[in-house]
């Protein structure tokens, strides 16, 4: 009985793909960090004055363009299973929503800058 229990536990563990629960892959983690940095840059823009503000806004826009380019070129790994690909796509979708939200914030900041 004991041997049957141990062997069935081992079979379950071997059949379980633990990488499916790993969360964002390394590239997605790097993009999350990059988005956090660009969000801080946008806060700096809002706090800055005239010429410095324009320089910081240009840096933020460049960071966002680079992030968008990286996201455009991202694809799930070929060796991923269907479930892993779905999770990867979900993470990618979350990142895209963050990028779009930040670009809207950037747009609103630009509009405020132009109105002053």
C-alpha atoms as a PDB file:
ATOM      1  CA  UNK A   1       0.000   0.000   0.000  1.00  0.00           C
ATOM      2  CA  UNK A   2       2.819   2.389   0.944  1.00  0.00           C
ATOM      3  CA  UNK A   3       4.654   1.748  -2.349  1.00  0.00           C
ATOM      4  CA  UNK A   4       1.506   2.394  -4.360  1.00  0.00           C
ATOM      5  CA  UNK A   5       0.941   5.707  -2.580  1.00  0.00           C
ATOM      6  CA  UNK A   6       4.530   6.845  -3.106  1.00  0.00           C
ATOM      7  CA  UNK A   7       4.544   5.832  -6.775  1.00  0.00           C
ATOM      8  CA  UNK A   8       1.242   7.592  -7.463  1.00  0.00           C
ATOM      9  CA  UNK A   9       2.533  10.785  -5.787  1.00  0.00           C
ATOM     10  CA  UNK A  10       5.665  10.621  -7.927  1.00  0.00           C
ATOM     11  CA  UNK A  11       3.605  10.174 -11.104  1.00  0.00           C
ATOM     12  CA  UNK A  12       1.474  13.184 -10.222  1.00  0.00           C
ATOM     13  CA  UNK A  13       4.573  15.279  -9.520  1.00  0.00           C
ATOM     14  CA  UNK A  14       6.221  14.243 -12.781  1.00  0.00           C
ATOM     15  CA  UNK A  15       3.078  15.036 -14.734  1.00  0.00           C
ATOM     16  CA  UNK A  16       2.769  18.467 -13.161  1.00  0.00           C
ATOM     17  CA  UNK A  17       4.500  21.205 -15.105  1.00  0.00           C
ATOM     18  CA  UNK A  18       5.750  23.585 -12.430  1.00  0.00           C
ATOM     19  CA  UNK A  19       6.931  26.171 -14.949  1.00  0.00           C
ATOM     20  CA  UNK A  20       3.278  26.963 -15.656  1.00  0.00           C
ATOM     21  CA  UNK A  21       3.144  28.642 -12.250  1.00  0.00           C
ATOM     22  CA  UNK A  22       6.336  30.617 -12.696  1.00  0.00           C
ATOM     23  CA  UNK A  23       4.588  33.933 -13.491  1.00  0.00           C
ATOM     24  CA  UNK A  24       6.094  36.353 -15.983  1.00  0.00           C
ATOM     25  CA  UNK A  25       9.077  35.112 -17.959  1.00  0.00           C
ATOM     26  CA  UNK A  26      12.420  36.979 -17.629  1.00  0.00           C
ATOM     27  CA  UNK A  27      11.727  39.293 -20.573  1.00  0.00           C
ATOM     28  CA  UNK A  28       8.305  40.173 -19.194  1.00  0.00           C
ATOM     29  CA  UNK A  29       9.869  40.811 -15.775  1.00  0.00           C
ATOM     30  CA  UNK A  30      12.380  43.148 -17.425  1.00  0.00           C
ATOM     31  CA  UNK A  31       9.526  44.988 -19.163  1.00  0.00           C
ATOM     32  CA  UNK A  32       7.615  45.308 -15.883  1.00  0.00           C
ATOM     33  CA  UNK A  33      10.705  46.916 -14.337  1.00  0.00           C
ATOM     34  CA  UNK A  34      11.106  49.151 -17.382  1.00  0.00           C
ATOM     35  CA  UNK A  35       7.481  50.282 -17.133  1.00  0.00           C
ATOM     36  CA  UNK A  36       7.953  51.120 -13.461  1.00  0.00           C
ATOM     37  CA  UNK A  37      11.024  53.204 -14.345  1.00  0.00           C
ATOM     38  CA  UNK A  38       9.174  55.069 -17.082  1.00  0.00           C
ATOM     39  CA  UNK A  39       6.265  55.723 -14.717  1.00  0.00           C
ATOM     40  CA  UNK A  40       8.710  57.343 -12.286  1.00  0.00           C
ATOM     41  CA  UNK A  41      10.141  59.368 -15.179  1.00  0.00           C
ATOM     42  CA  UNK A  42       6.641  60.642 -15.985  1.00  0.00           C
ATOM     43  CA  UNK A  43       6.212  61.741 -12.357  1.00  0.00           C
ATOM     44  CA  UNK A  44       9.497  63.630 -12.689  1.00  0.00           C
ATOM     45  CA  UNK A  45       8.119  65.321 -15.803  1.00  0.00           C
ATOM     46  CA  UNK A  46       5.062  66.508 -13.903  1.00  0.00           C
ATOM     47  CA  UNK A  47       7.224  67.958 -11.133  1.00  0.00           C
ATOM     48  CA  UNK A  48       9.806  69.631 -13.404  1.00  0.00           C
ATOM     49  CA  UNK A  49       9.764  73.098 -14.948  1.00  0.00           C
ATOM     50  CA  UNK A  50       9.943  74.223 -18.631  1.00  0.00           C
ATOM     51  CA  UNK A  51      13.202  73.109 -20.341  1.00  0.00           C
ATOM     52  CA  UNK A  52      13.886  70.309 -17.872  1.00  0.00           C
ATOM     53  CA  UNK A  53      10.309  69.148 -18.272  1.00  0.00           C
ATOM     54  CA  UNK A  54      10.674  68.918 -22.055  1.00  0.00           C
ATOM     55  CA  UNK A  55      13.932  66.957 -21.734  1.00  0.00           C
ATOM     56  CA  UNK A  56      12.388  64.498 -19.274  1.00  0.00           C
ATOM     57  CA  UNK A  57       9.321  64.080 -21.491  1.00  0.00           C
ATOM     58  CA  UNK A  58      11.546  63.212 -24.441  1.00  0.00           C
ATOM     59  CA  UNK A  59      13.337  60.613 -22.298  1.00  0.00           C
ATOM     60  CA  UNK A  60      10.002  59.137 -21.230  1.00  0.00           C
ATOM     61  CA  UNK A  61       8.744  58.983 -24.805  1.00  0.00           C
ATOM     62  CA  UNK A  62      11.943  57.262 -25.904  1.00  0.00           C
ATOM     63  CA  UNK A  63      11.620  54.702 -23.078  1.00  0.00           C
ATOM     64  CA  UNK A  64       8.017  53.994 -24.075  1.00  0.00           C
ATOM     65  CA  UNK A  65       8.935  53.617 -27.758  1.00  0.00           C
ATOM     66  CA  UNK A  66      11.670  51.118 -26.858  1.00  0.00           C
ATOM     67  CA  UNK A  67       9.276  49.211 -24.590  1.00  0.00           C
ATOM     68  CA  UNK A  68       6.638  49.060 -27.318  1.00  0.00           C
ATOM     69  CA  UNK A  69       9.209  47.777 -29.825  1.00  0.00           C
ATOM     70  CA  UNK A  70      10.301  45.023 -27.448  1.00  0.00           C
ATOM     71  CA  UNK A  71       6.705  44.045 -26.757  1.00  0.00           C
ATOM     72  CA  UNK A  72       5.918  43.984 -30.468  1.00  0.00           C
ATOM     73  CA  UNK A  73       8.733  41.475 -31.021  1.00  0.00           C
ATOM     74  CA  UNK A  74       7.851  39.205 -28.088  1.00  0.00           C
ATOM     75  CA  UNK A  75       6.434  35.740 -28.703  1.00  0.00           C
ATOM     76  CA  UNK A  76       5.816  32.758 -26.418  1.00  0.00           C
ATOM     77  CA  UNK A  77       8.578  30.152 -26.342  1.00  0.00           C
ATOM     78  CA  UNK A  78       8.078  27.291 -28.796  1.00  0.00           C
ATOM     79  CA  UNK A  79       8.530  24.628 -26.111  1.00  0.00           C
ATOM     80  CA  UNK A  80       5.654  26.007 -24.007  1.00  0.00           C
ATOM     81  CA  UNK A  81       2.532  23.927 -23.629  1.00  0.00           C
ATOM     82  CA  UNK A  82      -0.901  25.320 -24.454  1.00  0.00           C
ATOM     83  CA  UNK A  83      -1.660  26.238 -20.833  1.00  0.00           C
ATOM     84  CA  UNK A  84       1.710  27.986 -20.463  1.00  0.00           C
ATOM     85  CA  UNK A  85       1.115  29.924 -23.683  1.00  0.00           C
ATOM     86  CA  UNK A  86      -2.266  31.078 -22.389  1.00  0.00           C
ATOM     87  CA  UNK A  87      -0.653  32.296 -19.172  1.00  0.00           C
ATOM     88  CA  UNK A  88       2.108  33.996 -21.145  1.00  0.00           C
ATOM     89  CA  UNK A  89      -0.489  35.723 -23.319  1.00  0.00           C
ATOM     90  CA  UNK A  90      -2.366  36.838 -20.199  1.00  0.00           C
ATOM     91  CA  UNK A  91       0.806  38.400 -18.790  1.00  0.00           C
ATOM     92  CA  UNK A  92       1.513  40.032 -22.147  1.00  0.00           C
ATOM     93  CA  UNK A  93      -2.004  41.461 -22.214  1.00  0.00           C
ATOM     94  CA  UNK A  94      -1.528  42.912 -18.715  1.00  0.00           C
ATOM     95  CA  UNK A  95       1.709  44.546 -19.850  1.00  0.00           C
ATOM     96  CA  UNK A  96       0.002  45.995 -22.916  1.00  0.00           C
ATOM     97  CA  UNK A  97      -2.726  47.492 -20.726  1.00  0.00           C
ATOM     98  CA  UNK A  98      -0.074  49.072 -18.495  1.00  0.00           C
ATOM     99  CA  UNK A  99       1.691  50.517 -21.530  1.00  0.00           C
ATOM    100  CA  UNK A 100      -1.544  51.928 -22.914  1.00  0.00           C
ATOM    101  CA  UNK A 101      -2.429  53.431 -19.535  1.00  0.00           C
ATOM    102  CA  UNK A 102       0.971  55.036 -19.254  1.00  0.00           C
ATOM    103  CA  UNK A 103       0.743  56.397 -22.779  1.00  0.00           C
ATOM    104  CA  UNK A 104      -2.600  57.982 -21.876  1.00  0.00           C
ATOM    105  CA  UNK A 105      -0.974  59.546 -18.802  1.00  0.00           C
ATOM    106  CA  UNK A 106       1.815  60.798 -21.063  1.00  0.00           C
ATOM    107  CA  UNK A 107      -0.746  62.284 -23.442  1.00  0.00           C
ATOM    108  CA  UNK A 108      -2.551  64.066 -20.602  1.00  0.00           C
ATOM    109  CA  UNK A 109       0.753  65.440 -19.300  1.00  0.00           C
ATOM    110  CA  UNK A 110       1.627  66.715 -22.773  1.00  0.00           C
ATOM    111  CA  UNK A 111      -1.753  68.390 -23.039  1.00  0.00           C
ATOM    112  CA  UNK A 112      -1.201  70.118 -19.692  1.00  0.00           C
ATOM    113  CA  UNK A 113       2.257  71.241 -20.809  1.00  0.00           C
ATOM    114  CA  UNK A 114       0.872  72.743 -24.009  1.00  0.00           C
ATOM    115  CA  UNK A 115      -1.896  74.593 -22.167  1.00  0.00           C
ATOM    116  CA  UNK A 116       0.504  76.423 -19.840  1.00  0.00           C
END
